[in-house]
Amino acid sequence: MARKIIVRPTASPASSVLALAVGAAALGALAIGALAIGRLAVGRLEIKKARFGTLEVDELTVHRLHVLERHEGDS
């Protein structure tokens, strides 16, 4: 009794490994981009220690600072 053997086509191992590597590289690039955008947004102002009420700052890095003084008669 002869049996028919059906061989199903499968993707070659090299193409699946290549697809996995491309996907991992894309995910890594996305993560690095998100970190870079976050660093730019947060990196403009660094406050190491602050207490509000009366302001006491231990260490402060500011790239651009505008100070507005208000006097008692100003509204």
Protein backbone atom coordinates (compact mmCIF):
# COMPACT_ATOMS: atom_id res chain seq x y z
CA MET A 1 0.00 0.00 0.00
CA ALA A 2 1.70 3.19 -1.19
CA ARG A 3 1.03 6.45 0.60
CA LYS A 4 1.14 9.88 -0.90
CA ILE A 5 3.43 12.23 1.04
CA ILE A 6 2.44 15.87 0.90
CA VAL A 7 5.22 18.33 1.66
CA ARG A 8 3.98 21.73 2.64
CA PRO A 9 6.14 24.68 1.61
CA THR A 10 7.70 26.54 4.53
CA ALA A 11 9.65 29.73 4.69
CA SER A 12 13.34 29.23 4.61
CA PRO A 13 15.05 29.67 7.98
CA ALA A 14 17.24 32.48 6.64
CA SER A 15 14.27 34.62 5.66
CA SER A 16 12.55 34.17 9.02
CA VAL A 17 15.73 35.08 10.88
CA LEU A 18 16.17 38.10 8.62
CA ALA A 19 12.57 39.19 9.26
CA LEU A 20 13.10 38.84 13.01
CA ALA A 21 16.31 40.90 12.83
CA VAL A 22 14.62 43.66 10.80
CA GLY A 23 11.73 43.77 13.27
CA ALA A 24 14.09 43.98 16.24
CA ALA A 25 16.08 46.77 14.58
CA ALA A 26 12.88 48.72 13.87
CA LEU A 27 11.71 48.33 17.47
CA GLY A 28 15.11 49.44 18.75
CA ALA A 29 15.10 52.49 16.50
CA LEU A 30 11.63 53.41 17.74
CA ALA A 31 12.74 53.11 21.37
CA ILE A 32 15.86 55.22 20.78
CA GLY A 33 13.77 57.88 19.03
CA ALA A 34 11.32 58.02 21.93
CA LEU A 35 14.19 58.41 24.39
CA ALA A 36 15.74 61.19 22.31
CA ILE A 37 12.46 63.12 22.12
CA GLY A 38 11.96 62.73 25.88
CA ARG A 39 15.51 63.92 26.56
CA LEU A 40 14.97 67.02 24.44
CA ALA A 41 11.71 67.85 26.19
CA VAL A 42 12.98 67.31 29.73
CA GLY A 43 16.58 68.37 29.14
CA ARG A 44 15.76 72.06 28.77
CA LEU A 45 15.24 72.53 32.51
CA GLU A 46 16.89 70.57 35.28
CA ILE A 47 16.03 71.22 38.89
CA LYS A 48 18.00 69.18 41.39
CA LYS A 49 16.36 70.38 44.61
CA ALA A 50 13.44 72.77 45.06
CA ARG A 51 11.15 73.87 47.86
CA PHE A 52 8.23 76.15 47.12
CA GLY A 53 6.60 78.71 49.36
CA THR A 54 9.91 80.42 49.56
CA LEU A 55 11.98 79.17 46.68
CA GLU A 56 15.19 77.40 47.56
CA VAL A 57 17.05 75.84 44.66
CA ASP A 58 20.18 73.81 45.24
CA GLU A 59 21.22 73.32 41.60
CA LEU A 60 19.49 74.75 38.52
CA THR A 61 20.39 74.63 34.84
CA VAL A 62 18.40 76.94 32.55
CA HIS A 63 19.16 77.66 28.91
CA ARG A 64 16.98 80.76 28.67
CA LEU A 65 15.59 82.66 31.66
CA HIS A 66 13.23 85.63 31.68
CA VAL A 67 12.58 87.28 35.02
CA LEU A 68 9.54 89.51 35.45
CA GLU A 69 9.45 91.73 38.51
CA ARG A 70 6.11 92.81 39.84
CA HIS A 71 5.79 95.79 42.14
CA GLU A 72 3.00 96.43 44.65
CA GLY A 73 1.27 99.03 42.41
CA ASP A 74 1.29 96.83 39.28
CA SER A 75 -1.76 94.78 38.42
